[in-house]
Amino acid sequence: MLNLEIKNSASAFPQPGTTLWHCDLCDAFISIHSAQILRAALCPVCGDVTLEFCGRVNSMPGIQFGDA
């Protein structure tokens, strides 16, 4: 049995965030909601194309995010 003690568990994990990415090849805009900081992402439309980071979108009023 593994016993782990987590101190300050609310701050031990990064807060989820939504980022906006753009694919230069297919011109798609992709939003990614993740609990981890993303350094790079691949286009789900083109496959192997690395997306260009556009910014965080958590603070945009009127936008709601849901699970896909």
Protein backbone atom coordinates (compact mmCIF):
# COMPACT_ATOMS: atom_id res chain seq x y z
CA MET A 1 0.00 0.00 0.00
CA LEU A 2 1.26 3.44 -0.90
CA ASN A 3 0.57 6.27 1.51
CA LEU A 4 1.09 9.75 0.17
CA GLU A 5 0.73 12.94 2.12
CA ILE A 6 -0.28 15.91 0.01
CA LYS A 7 0.28 19.26 1.61
CA ASN A 8 -1.67 22.21 0.27
CA SER A 9 -3.40 19.94 -2.23
CA ALA A 10 -5.36 22.81 -3.75
CA SER A 11 -2.17 24.51 -4.89
CA ALA A 12 -0.18 21.34 -5.59
CA PHE A 13 -1.77 20.92 -9.03
CA PRO A 14 -1.76 23.54 -11.80
CA GLN A 15 -5.07 25.19 -12.51
CA PRO A 16 -6.68 24.17 -15.80
CA GLY A 17 -6.40 26.70 -18.54
CA THR A 18 -7.54 27.18 -22.11
CA THR A 19 -5.13 28.24 -24.81
CA LEU A 20 -5.72 29.18 -28.44
CA TRP A 21 -3.54 27.75 -31.23
CA HIS A 22 -3.40 28.30 -35.01
CA CYS A 23 -2.36 25.92 -37.80
CA ASP A 24 -0.58 27.65 -40.68
CA LEU A 25 -1.19 24.72 -43.03
CA CYS A 26 -4.98 24.26 -42.80
CA ASP A 27 -5.72 27.69 -41.20
CA ALA A 28 -7.63 26.07 -38.30
CA PHE A 29 -7.93 27.65 -34.87
CA ILE A 30 -7.81 25.11 -32.04
CA SER A 31 -8.60 25.71 -28.37
CA ILE A 32 -7.04 23.31 -25.88
CA HIS A 33 -8.25 23.03 -22.29
CA SER A 34 -5.55 21.44 -20.15
CA ALA A 35 -4.56 21.09 -16.50
CA GLN A 36 -0.90 21.30 -17.55
CA ILE A 37 1.12 24.00 -19.22
CA LEU A 38 1.52 23.21 -22.91
CA ARG A 39 4.77 24.05 -24.66
CA ALA A 40 3.73 22.71 -28.08
CA ALA A 41 0.71 21.08 -29.72
CA LEU A 42 0.00 19.18 -32.91
CA CYS A 43 -2.86 20.02 -35.26
CA PRO A 44 -5.68 17.45 -34.91
CA VAL A 45 -6.78 18.21 -38.51
CA CYS A 46 -3.41 17.94 -40.32
CA GLY A 47 -1.74 15.48 -37.95
CA ASP A 48 1.96 16.23 -37.70
CA VAL A 49 1.89 20.03 -38.06
CA THR A 50 3.00 21.96 -34.97
CA LEU A 51 0.52 24.66 -34.01
CA GLU A 52 1.40 28.31 -33.42
CA PHE A 53 0.51 29.56 -29.92
CA CYS A 54 -1.92 32.52 -30.00
CA GLY A 55 -2.53 33.07 -26.28
CA ARG A 56 -4.69 32.23 -23.29
CA VAL A 57 -8.44 32.68 -23.61
CA ASN A 58 -9.63 32.14 -20.02
CA SER A 59 -10.33 35.80 -19.45
CA MET A 60 -12.43 36.47 -22.57
CA PRO A 61 -15.96 37.50 -21.55
CA GLY A 62 -18.90 35.60 -23.00
CA ILE A 63 -16.92 32.46 -23.92
CA GLN A 64 -17.87 29.18 -22.32
CA PHE A 65 -15.87 25.98 -22.58
CA GLY A 66 -17.18 22.44 -22.44
CA ASP A 67 -15.88 18.91 -22.79
CA ALA A 68 -15.69 17.53 -26.31
